[in-house]
């Protein structure tokens, strides 16, 4: 049975997926790449927006507006610090 992911790991996955797509991504891609339910994804995205780690953008697609999400400088800082923490834990065999 797979280990349950922590909140920090899920946030890392979401932000890393946004960064991997040149800093902008559609919600559908977040949903599939982060392996979350729609409701859980919405909950995480709302919290990440409130904390300033991502920004919600409205992009005109034909006659409709589509949501996309962009990683902010604060979100990039999170990824850098997350990497440091995981490297530290691995160094001491604590991962």
PDB file of N, CA and C in Angstrom:
ATOM      1  N   UNK A   1       0.837  -1.179   0.000  1.00  0.00           N
ATOM      2  CA  UNK A   1       0.000   0.000   0.000  1.00  0.00           C
ATOM      3  C   UNK A   1       0.883   1.243   0.000  1.00  0.00           C
ATOM      4  N   UNK A   2       0.535   2.199  -0.802  1.00  0.00           N
ATOM      5  CA  UNK A   2       1.340   3.414  -0.936  1.00  0.00           C
ATOM      6  C   UNK A   2       1.201   4.298   0.292  1.00  0.00           C
ATOM      7  N   UNK A   3       2.271   4.991   0.607  1.00  0.00           N
ATOM      8  CA  UNK A   3       2.286   5.922   1.724  1.00  0.00           C
ATOM      9  C   UNK A   3       1.427   7.138   1.388  1.00  0.00           C
ATOM     10  N   UNK A   4       0.645   7.582   2.364  1.00  0.00           N
ATOM     11  CA  UNK A   4      -0.191   8.767   2.176  1.00  0.00           C
ATOM     12  C   UNK A   4       0.702  10.003   2.084  1.00  0.00           C
ATOM     13  N   UNK A   5       0.423  10.868   1.113  1.00  0.00           N
ATOM     14  CA  UNK A   5       1.229  12.081   0.934  1.00  0.00           C
ATOM     15  C   UNK A   5       0.862  13.123   1.976  1.00  0.00           C
ATOM     16  N   UNK A   6       1.864  13.842   2.424  1.00  0.00           N
ATOM     17  CA  UNK A   6       1.623  14.938   3.360  1.00  0.00           C
ATOM     18  C   UNK A   6       1.147  16.164   2.594  1.00  0.00           C
ATOM     19  N   UNK A   7       0.614  17.116   3.333  1.00  0.00           N
ATOM     20  CA  UNK A   7       0.154  18.365   2.727  1.00  0.00           C
ATOM     21  C   UNK A   7       1.316  19.065   2.025  1.00  0.00           C
ATOM     22  N   UNK A   8       2.491  19.057   2.642  1.00  0.00           N
ATOM     23  CA  UNK A   8       3.667  19.697   2.036  1.00  0.00           C
ATOM     24  C   UNK A   8       4.038  19.038   0.712  1.00  0.00           C
ATOM     25  N   UNK A   9       3.918  17.716   0.648  1.00  0.00           N
ATOM     26  CA  UNK A   9       4.235  16.999  -0.588  1.00  0.00           C
ATOM     27  C   UNK A   9       3.219  17.319  -1.686  1.00  0.00           C
ATOM     28  N   UNK A  10       1.957  17.424  -1.318  1.00  0.00           N
ATOM     29  CA  UNK A  10       0.924  17.744  -2.310  1.00  0.00           C
ATOM     30  C   UNK A  10       1.118  19.155  -2.845  1.00  0.00           C
ATOM     31  N   UNK A  11       1.398  20.094  -1.953  1.00  0.00           N
ATOM     32  CA  UNK A  11       1.652  21.476  -2.377  1.00  0.00           C
ATOM     33  C   UNK A  11       2.866  21.503  -3.298  1.00  0.00           C
ATOM     34  N   UNK A  12       3.906  20.768  -2.939  1.00  0.00           N
ATOM     35  CA  UNK A  12       5.106  20.692  -3.771  1.00  0.00           C
ATOM     36  C   UNK A  12       4.766  20.159  -5.161  1.00  0.00           C
ATOM     37  N   UNK A  13       3.967  19.106  -5.212  1.00  0.00           N
ATOM     38  CA  UNK A  13       3.586  18.510  -6.492  1.00  0.00           C
ATOM     39  C   UNK A  13       2.826  19.508  -7.365  1.00  0.00           C
ATOM     40  N   UNK A  14       1.875  20.213  -6.770  1.00  0.00           N
ATOM     41  CA  UNK A  14       1.093  21.195  -7.523  1.00  0.00           C
ATOM     42  C   UNK A  14       2.007  22.294  -8.067  1.00  0.00           C
ATOM     43  N   UNK A  15       2.833  22.860  -7.201  1.00  0.00           N
ATOM     44  CA  UNK A  15       3.713  23.958  -7.624  1.00  0.00           C
ATOM     45  C   UNK A  15       4.742  23.493  -8.653  1.00  0.00           C
ATOM     46  N   UNK A  16       5.264  22.294  -8.468  1.00  0.00           N
ATOM     47  CA  UNK A  16       6.254  21.761  -9.412  1.00  0.00           C
ATOM     48  C   UNK A  16       5.624  21.544 -10.785  1.00  0.00           C
ATOM     49  N   UNK A  17       4.383  21.083 -10.808  1.00  0.00           N
ATOM     50  CA  UNK A  17       3.686  20.896 -12.087  1.00  0.00           C
ATOM     51  C   UNK A  17       3.431  22.224 -12.784  1.00  0.00           C
ATOM     52  N   UNK A  18       3.124  23.254 -12.022  1.00  0.00           N
ATOM     53  CA  UNK A  18       2.929  24.577 -12.627  1.00  0.00           C
ATOM     54  C   UNK A  18       4.257  25.081 -13.193  1.00  0.00           C
ATOM     55  N   UNK A  19       5.313  24.952 -12.408  1.00  0.00           N
ATOM     56  CA  UNK A  19       6.627  25.416 -12.875  1.00  0.00           C
ATOM     57  C   UNK A  19       7.074  24.649 -14.119  1.00  0.00           C
ATOM     58  N   UNK A  20       6.789  23.360 -14.172  1.00  0.00           N
ATOM     59  CA  UNK A  20       7.197  22.533 -15.310  1.00  0.00           C
ATOM     60  C   UNK A  20       6.498  22.944 -16.602  1.00  0.00           C
ATOM     61  N   UNK A  21       5.376  23.607 -16.494  1.00  0.00           N
ATOM     62  CA  UNK A  21       4.632  24.083 -17.658  1.00  0.00           C
ATOM     63  C   UNK A  21       4.915  25.557 -17.930  1.00  0.00           C
ATOM     64  N   UNK A  22       6.138  25.971 -17.760  1.00  0.00           N
ATOM     65  CA  UNK A  22       6.559  27.361 -17.978  1.00  0.00           C
ATOM     66  C   UNK A  22       5.831  28.341 -17.063  1.00  0.00           C
ATOM     67  N   UNK A  23       5.468  27.879 -15.880  1.00  0.00           N
ATOM     68  CA  UNK A  23       4.886  28.763 -14.879  1.00  0.00           C
ATOM     69  C   UNK A  23       3.394  28.982 -14.975  1.00  0.00           C
ATOM     70  N   UNK A  24       2.719  28.387 -15.974  1.00  0.00           N
ATOM     71  CA  UNK A  24       1.265  28.534 -16.127  1.00  0.00           C
ATOM     72  C   UNK A  24       0.669  27.192 -16.507  1.00  0.00           C
ATOM     73  N   UNK A  25      -0.504  26.900 -15.938  1.00  0.00           N
ATOM     74  CA  UNK A  25      -1.128  25.606 -16.196  1.00  0.00           C
ATOM     75  C   UNK A  25      -2.642  25.706 -16.055  1.00  0.00           C
ATOM     76  N   UNK A  26      -3.352  24.860 -16.796  1.00  0.00           N
ATOM     77  CA  UNK A  26      -4.808  24.779 -16.700  1.00  0.00           C
ATOM     78  C   UNK A  26      -5.168  23.874 -15.520  1.00  0.00           C
ATOM     79  N   UNK A  27      -6.331  24.098 -14.925  1.00  0.00           N
ATOM     80  CA  UNK A  27      -6.730  23.270 -13.788  1.00  0.00           C
ATOM     81  C   UNK A  27      -6.798  21.776 -14.115  1.00  0.00           C
ATOM     82  N   UNK A  28      -7.214  21.434 -15.326  1.00  0.00           N
ATOM     83  CA  UNK A  28      -7.305  20.028 -15.714  1.00  0.00           C
ATOM     84  C   UNK A  28      -5.947  19.343 -15.614  1.00  0.00           C
ATOM     85  N   UNK A  29      -4.905  20.029 -16.033  1.00  0.00           N
ATOM     86  CA  UNK A  29      -3.561  19.455 -15.971  1.00  0.00           C
ATOM     87  C   UNK A  29      -3.100  19.292 -14.522  1.00  0.00           C
ATOM     88  N   UNK A  30      -3.453  20.252 -13.683  1.00  0.00           N
ATOM     89  CA  UNK A  30      -3.124  20.124 -12.258  1.00  0.00           C
ATOM     90  C   UNK A  30      -3.824  18.892 -11.694  1.00  0.00           C
ATOM     91  N   UNK A  31      -5.080  18.734 -12.029  1.00  0.00           N
ATOM     92  CA  UNK A  31      -5.885  17.622 -11.525  1.00  0.00           C
ATOM     93  C   UNK A  31      -5.231  16.287 -11.847  1.00  0.00           C
ATOM     94  N   UNK A  32      -4.885  16.076 -13.101  1.00  0.00           N
ATOM     95  CA  UNK A  32      -4.312  14.794 -13.512  1.00  0.00           C
ATOM     96  C   UNK A  32      -2.885  14.591 -13.009  1.00  0.00           C
ATOM     97  N   UNK A  33      -2.069  15.608 -13.114  1.00  0.00           N
ATOM     98  CA  UNK A  33      -0.660  15.460 -12.746  1.00  0.00           C
ATOM     99  C   UNK A  33      -0.439  15.383 -11.242  1.00  0.00           C
ATOM    100  N   UNK A  34      -1.377  15.941 -10.458  1.00  0.00           N
ATOM    101  CA  UNK A  34      -1.240  15.931  -9.004  1.00  0.00           C
ATOM    102  C   UNK A  34      -1.957  14.749  -8.362  1.00  0.00           C
ATOM    103  N   UNK A  35      -2.725  14.008  -9.167  1.00  0.00           N
ATOM    104  CA  UNK A  35      -3.447  12.837  -8.685  1.00  0.00           C
ATOM    105  C   UNK A  35      -4.354  13.174  -7.493  1.00  0.00           C
ATOM    106  N   UNK A  36      -5.176  14.195  -7.667  1.00  0.00           N
ATOM    107  CA  UNK A  36      -6.111  14.626  -6.639  1.00  0.00           C
ATOM    108  C   UNK A  36      -7.532  14.552  -7.171  1.00  0.00           C
ATOM    109  N   UNK A  37      -8.486  14.465  -6.263  1.00  0.00           N
ATOM    110  CA  UNK A  37      -9.879  14.585  -6.678  1.00  0.00           C
ATOM    111  C   UNK A  37     -10.130  16.049  -7.024  1.00  0.00           C
ATOM    112  N   UNK A  38     -11.204  16.303  -7.762  1.00  0.00           N
ATOM    113  CA  UNK A  38     -11.519  17.676  -8.132  1.00  0.00           C
ATOM    114  C   UNK A  38     -11.721  18.539  -6.889  1.00  0.00           C
ATOM    115  N   UNK A  39     -12.456  18.021  -5.921  1.00  0.00           N
ATOM    116  CA  UNK A  39     -12.737  18.780  -4.695  1.00  0.00           C
ATOM    117  C   UNK A  39     -11.450  19.083  -3.918  1.00  0.00           C
ATOM    118  N   UNK A  40     -10.574  18.102  -3.804  1.00  0.00           N
ATOM    119  CA  UNK A  40      -9.307  18.328  -3.090  1.00  0.00           C
ATOM    120  C   UNK A  40      -8.443  19.340  -3.843  1.00  0.00           C
ATOM    121  N   UNK A  41      -8.419  19.227  -5.173  1.00  0.00           N
ATOM    122  CA  UNK A  41      -7.645  20.176  -5.964  1.00  0.00           C
ATOM    123  C   UNK A  41      -8.157  21.594  -5.731  1.00  0.00           C
ATOM    124  N   UNK A  42      -9.476  21.785  -5.774  1.00  0.00           N
ATOM    125  CA  UNK A  42     -10.063  23.107  -5.552  1.00  0.00           C
ATOM    126  C   UNK A  42      -9.688  23.650  -4.184  1.00  0.00           C
ATOM    127  N   UNK A  43      -9.707  22.803  -3.172  1.00  0.00           N
ATOM    128  CA  UNK A  43      -9.344  23.210  -1.810  1.00  0.00           C
ATOM    129  C   UNK A  43      -7.895  23.674  -1.757  1.00  0.00           C
ATOM    130  N   UNK A  44      -7.005  22.893  -2.346  1.00  0.00           N
ATOM    131  CA  UNK A  44      -5.582  23.263  -2.351  1.00  0.00           C
ATOM    132  C   UNK A  44      -5.339  24.539  -3.155  1.00  0.00           C
ATOM    133  N   UNK A  45      -5.955  24.656  -4.320  1.00  0.00           N
ATOM    134  CA  UNK A  45      -5.747  25.844  -5.150  1.00  0.00           C
ATOM    135  C   UNK A  45      -6.225  27.104  -4.431  1.00  0.00           C
ATOM    136  N   UNK A  46      -7.341  27.010  -3.754  1.00  0.00           N
ATOM    137  CA  UNK A  46      -7.859  28.167  -3.013  1.00  0.00           C
ATOM    138  C   UNK A  46      -6.881  28.579  -1.908  1.00  0.00           C
ATOM    139  N   UNK A  47      -6.363  27.603  -1.191  1.00  0.00           N
ATOM    140  CA  UNK A  47      -5.401  27.913  -0.127  1.00  0.00           C
ATOM    141  C   UNK A  47      -4.104  28.491  -0.696  1.00  0.00           C
ATOM    142  N   UNK A  48      -3.624  27.930  -1.791  1.00  0.00           N
ATOM    143  CA  UNK A  48      -2.393  28.434  -2.397  1.00  0.00           C
ATOM    144  C   UNK A  48      -2.570  29.856  -2.918  1.00  0.00           C
ATOM    145  N   UNK A  49      -3.767  30.167  -3.436  1.00  0.00           N
ATOM    146  CA  UNK A  49      -4.057  31.542  -3.871  1.00  0.00           C
ATOM    147  C   UNK A  49      -4.061  32.480  -2.674  1.00  0.00           C
ATOM    148  N   UNK A  50      -4.726  32.081  -1.594  1.00  0.00           N
ATOM    149  CA  UNK A  50      -4.804  32.917  -0.397  1.00  0.00           C
ATOM    150  C   UNK A  50      -3.432  33.179   0.200  1.00  0.00           C
ATOM    151  N   UNK A  51      -2.557  32.216   0.114  1.00  0.00           N
ATOM    152  CA  UNK A  51      -1.217  32.347   0.696  1.00  0.00           C
ATOM    153  C   UNK A  51      -0.231  33.011  -0.268  1.00  0.00           C
ATOM    154  N   UNK A  52      -0.679  33.310  -1.486  1.00  0.00           N
ATOM    155  CA  UNK A  52       0.160  34.013  -2.445  1.00  0.00           C
ATOM    156  C   UNK A  52       1.174  33.151  -3.171  1.00  0.00           C
ATOM    157  N   UNK A  53       0.981  31.821  -3.158  1.00  0.00           N
ATOM    158  CA  UNK A  53       1.918  30.928  -3.839  1.00  0.00           C
ATOM    159  C   UNK A  53       1.588  30.767  -5.319  1.00  0.00           C
ATOM    160  N   UNK A  54       0.317  30.977  -5.665  1.00  0.00           N
ATOM    161  CA  UNK A  54      -0.112  30.946  -7.060  1.00  0.00           C
ATOM    162  C   UNK A  54      -1.055  32.118  -7.315  1.00  0.00           C
ATOM    163  N   UNK A  55      -1.247  32.418  -8.577  1.00  0.00           N
ATOM    164  CA  UNK A  55      -2.202  33.453  -8.986  1.00  0.00           C
ATOM    165  C   UNK A  55      -3.138  32.836 -10.012  1.00  0.00           C
ATOM    166  N   UNK A  56      -4.416  33.178  -9.902  1.00  0.00           N
ATOM    167  CA  UNK A  56      -5.398  32.708 -10.873  1.00  0.00           C
ATOM    168  C   UNK A  56      -5.512  33.735 -11.985  1.00  0.00           C
ATOM    169  N   UNK A  57      -5.393  33.263 -13.216  1.00  0.00           N
ATOM    170  CA  UNK A  57      -5.482  34.145 -14.378  1.00  0.00           C
ATOM    171  C   UNK A  57      -6.686  33.748 -15.210  1.00  0.00           C
ATOM    172  N   UNK A  58      -7.261  34.713 -15.867  1.00  0.00           N
ATOM    173  CA  UNK A  58      -8.362  34.450 -16.784  1.00  0.00           C
ATOM    174  C   UNK A  58      -7.844  34.709 -18.192  1.00  0.00           C
ATOM    175  N   UNK A  59      -7.842  33.666 -19.010  1.00  0.00           N
ATOM    176  CA  UNK A  59      -7.308  33.754 -20.363  1.00  0.00           C
ATOM    177  C   UNK A  59      -8.462  33.612 -21.349  1.00  0.00           C
ATOM    178  N   UNK A  60      -8.526  34.508 -22.291  1.00  0.00           N
ATOM    179  CA  UNK A  60      -9.594  34.476 -23.296  1.00  0.00           C
ATOM    180  C   UNK A  60      -9.299  33.360 -24.300  1.00  0.00           C
ATOM    181  N   UNK A  61     -10.239  32.434 -24.422  1.00  0.00           N
ATOM    182  CA  UNK A  61     -10.134  31.327 -25.376  1.00  0.00           C
ATOM    183  C   UNK A  61     -11.375  31.353 -26.247  1.00  0.00           C
ATOM    184  N   UNK A  62     -11.246  31.930 -27.406  1.00  0.00           N
ATOM    185  CA  UNK A  62     -12.411  32.082 -28.277  1.00  0.00           C
ATOM    186  C   UNK A  62     -13.400  33.046 -27.665  1.00  0.00           C
ATOM    187  N   UNK A  63     -14.614  32.575 -27.428  1.00  0.00           N
ATOM    188  CA  UNK A  63     -15.642  33.426 -26.854  1.00  0.00           C
ATOM    189  C   UNK A  63     -15.759  33.284 -25.338  1.00  0.00           C
ATOM    190  N   UNK A  64     -14.982  32.394 -24.757  1.00  0.00           N
ATOM    191  CA  UNK A  64     -15.066  32.176 -23.317  1.00  0.00           C
ATOM    192  C   UNK A  64     -13.745  32.498 -22.640  1.00  0.00           C
ATOM    193  N   UNK A  65     -13.811  32.653 -21.337  1.00  0.00           N
ATOM    194  CA  UNK A  65     -12.610  32.840 -20.535  1.00  0.00           C
ATOM    195  C   UNK A  65     -12.271  31.528 -19.840  1.00  0.00           C
ATOM    196  N   UNK A  66     -11.012  31.164 -19.863  1.00  0.00           N
ATOM    197  CA  UNK A  66     -10.559  29.938 -19.221  1.00  0.00           C
ATOM    198  C   UNK A  66      -9.626  30.300 -18.070  1.00  0.00           C
ATOM    199  N   UNK A  67      -9.730  29.532 -16.997  1.00  0.00           N
ATOM    200  CA  UNK A  67      -8.838  29.745 -15.857  1.00  0.00           C
ATOM    201  C   UNK A  67      -7.494  29.099 -16.133  1.00  0.00           C
ATOM    202  N   UNK A  68      -6.456  29.769 -15.740  1.00  0.00           N
ATOM    203  CA  UNK A  68      -5.128  29.164 -15.666  1.00  0.00           C
ATOM    204  C   UNK A  68      -4.521  29.624 -14.362  1.00  0.00           C
ATOM    205  N   UNK A  69      -3.532  28.897 -13.919  1.00  0.00           N
ATOM    206  CA  UNK A  69      -2.851  29.243 -12.674  1.00  0.00           C
ATOM    207  C   UNK A  69      -1.376  29.454 -12.966  1.00  0.00           C
ATOM    208  N   UNK A  70      -0.821  30.469 -12.327  1.00  0.00           N
ATOM    209  CA  UNK A  70       0.598  30.796 -12.501  1.00  0.00           C
ATOM    210  C   UNK A  70       1.277  30.743 -11.144  1.00  0.00           C
ATOM    211  N   UNK A  71       2.486  30.277 -11.139  1.00  0.00           N
ATOM    212  CA  UNK A  71       3.258  30.253  -9.903  1.00  0.00           C
ATOM    213  C   UNK A  71       3.830  31.644  -9.656  1.00  0.00           C
ATOM    214  N   UNK A  72       3.832  32.065  -8.412  1.00  0.00           N
ATOM    215  CA  UNK A  72       4.358  33.380  -8.052  1.00  0.00           C
ATOM    216  C   UNK A  72       5.802  33.230  -7.561  1.00  0.00           C
ATOM    217  N   UNK A  73       6.449  34.361  -7.320  1.00  0.00           N
ATOM    218  CA  UNK A  73       7.806  34.323  -6.757  1.00  0.00           C
ATOM    219  C   UNK A  73       7.806  33.619  -5.405  1.00  0.00           C
ATOM    220  N   UNK A  74       6.754  33.826  -4.630  1.00  0.00           N
ATOM    221  CA  UNK A  74       6.641  33.167  -3.326  1.00  0.00           C
ATOM    222  C   UNK A  74       6.519  31.649  -3.518  1.00  0.00           C
ATOM    223  N   UNK A  75       5.803  31.223  -4.551  1.00  0.00           N
ATOM    224  CA  UNK A  75       5.692  29.802  -4.861  1.00  0.00           C
ATOM    225  C   UNK A  75       7.023  29.202  -5.277  1.00  0.00           C
ATOM    226  N   UNK A  76       7.779  29.940  -6.066  1.00  0.00           N
ATOM    227  CA  UNK A  76       9.121  29.475  -6.454  1.00  0.00           C
ATOM    228  C   UNK A  76      10.035  29.385  -5.235  1.00  0.00           C
ATOM    229  N   UNK A  77       9.897  30.320  -4.316  1.00  0.00           N
ATOM    230  CA  UNK A  77      10.670  30.296  -3.078  1.00  0.00           C
ATOM    231  C   UNK A  77      10.310  29.052  -2.253  1.00  0.00           C
ATOM    232  N   UNK A  78       9.023  28.708  -2.220  1.00  0.00           N
ATOM    233  CA  UNK A  78       8.578  27.491  -1.532  1.00  0.00           C
ATOM    234  C   UNK A  78       9.297  26.268  -2.106  1.00  0.00           C
ATOM    235  N   UNK A  79       9.341  26.168  -3.436  1.00  0.00           N
ATOM    236  CA  UNK A  79       9.991  25.020  -4.069  1.00  0.00           C
ATOM    237  C   UNK A  79      11.471  24.945  -3.712  1.00  0.00           C
ATOM    238  N   UNK A  80      12.145  26.084  -3.685  1.00  0.00           N
ATOM    239  CA  UNK A  80      13.567  26.104  -3.317  1.00  0.00           C
ATOM    240  C   UNK A  80      13.772  25.628  -1.881  1.00  0.00           C
ATOM    241  N   UNK A  81      12.940  26.123  -0.983  1.00  0.00           N
ATOM    242  CA  UNK A  81      13.064  25.744   0.434  1.00  0.00           C
ATOM    243  C   UNK A  81      12.662  24.288   0.659  1.00  0.00           C
ATOM    244  N   UNK A  82      11.670  23.827  -0.073  1.00  0.00           N
ATOM    245  CA  UNK A  82      11.254  22.425   0.026  1.00  0.00           C
ATOM    246  C   UNK A  82      12.413  21.510  -0.385  1.00  0.00           C
ATOM    247  N   UNK A  83      13.093  21.893  -1.469  1.00  0.00           N
ATOM    248  CA  UNK A  83      14.245  21.104  -1.932  1.00  0.00           C
ATOM    249  C   UNK A  83      15.328  21.048  -0.860  1.00  0.00           C
ATOM    250  N   UNK A  84      15.606  22.182  -0.215  1.00  0.00           N
ATOM    251  CA  UNK A  84      16.611  22.218   0.849  1.00  0.00           C
ATOM    252  C   UNK A  84      16.234  21.303   2.004  1.00  0.00           C
ATOM    253  N   UNK A  85      14.972  21.340   2.393  1.00  0.00           N
ATOM    254  CA  UNK A  85      14.506  20.517   3.514  1.00  0.00           C
ATOM    255  C   UNK A  85      14.616  19.034   3.177  1.00  0.00           C
ATOM    256  N   UNK A  86      14.204  18.655   1.972  1.00  0.00           N
ATOM    257  CA  UNK A  86      14.269  17.235   1.604  1.00  0.00           C
ATOM    258  C   UNK A  86      15.719  16.768   1.474  1.00  0.00           C
ATOM    259  N   UNK A  87      16.585  17.606   0.947  1.00  0.00           N
ATOM    260  CA  UNK A  87      18.010  17.244   0.866  1.00  0.00           C
ATOM    261  C   UNK A  87      18.592  17.082   2.270  1.00  0.00           C
ATOM    262  N   UNK A  88      18.228  17.958   3.179  1.00  0.00           N
ATOM    263  CA  UNK A  88      18.685  17.883   4.567  1.00  0.00           C
ATOM    264  C   UNK A  88      18.223  16.571   5.202  1.00  0.00           C
ATOM    265  N   UNK A  89      16.944  16.250   5.027  1.00  0.00           N
ATOM    266  CA  UNK A  89      16.395  15.012   5.608  1.00  0.00           C
ATOM    267  C   UNK A  89      17.083  13.780   5.015  1.00  0.00           C
ATOM    268  N   UNK A  90      17.321  13.787   3.714  1.00  0.00           N
ATOM    269  CA  UNK A  90      17.977  12.645   3.070  1.00  0.00           C
ATOM    270  C   UNK A  90      19.412  12.476   3.558  1.00  0.00           C
ATOM    271  N   UNK A  91      20.091  13.605   3.795  1.00  0.00           N
ATOM    272  CA  UNK A  91      21.473  13.559   4.263  1.00  0.00           C
ATOM    273  C   UNK A  91      21.579  12.787   5.579  1.00  0.00           C
ATOM    274  N   UNK A  92      20.579  12.936   6.433  1.00  0.00           N
ATOM    275  CA  UNK A  92      20.585  12.273   7.733  1.00  0.00           C
ATOM    276  C   UNK A  92      19.711  11.024   7.778  1.00  0.00           C
ATOM    277  N   UNK A  93      19.270  10.554   6.606  1.00  0.00           N
ATOM    278  CA  UNK A  93      18.483   9.338   6.535  1.00  0.00           C
ATOM    279  C   UNK A  93      17.103   9.473   7.136  1.00  0.00           C
ATOM    280  N   UNK A  94      16.529  10.652   7.086  1.00  0.00           N
ATOM    281  CA  UNK A  94      15.228  10.912   7.717  1.00  0.00           C
ATOM    282  C   UNK A  94      14.083  11.000   6.729  1.00  0.00           C
ATOM    283  N   UNK A  95      14.308  10.716   5.461  1.00  0.00           N
ATOM    284  CA  UNK A  95      13.247  10.846   4.466  1.00  0.00           C
ATOM    285  C   UNK A  95      12.178   9.792   4.629  1.00  0.00           C
TER     286      UNK A  95
END
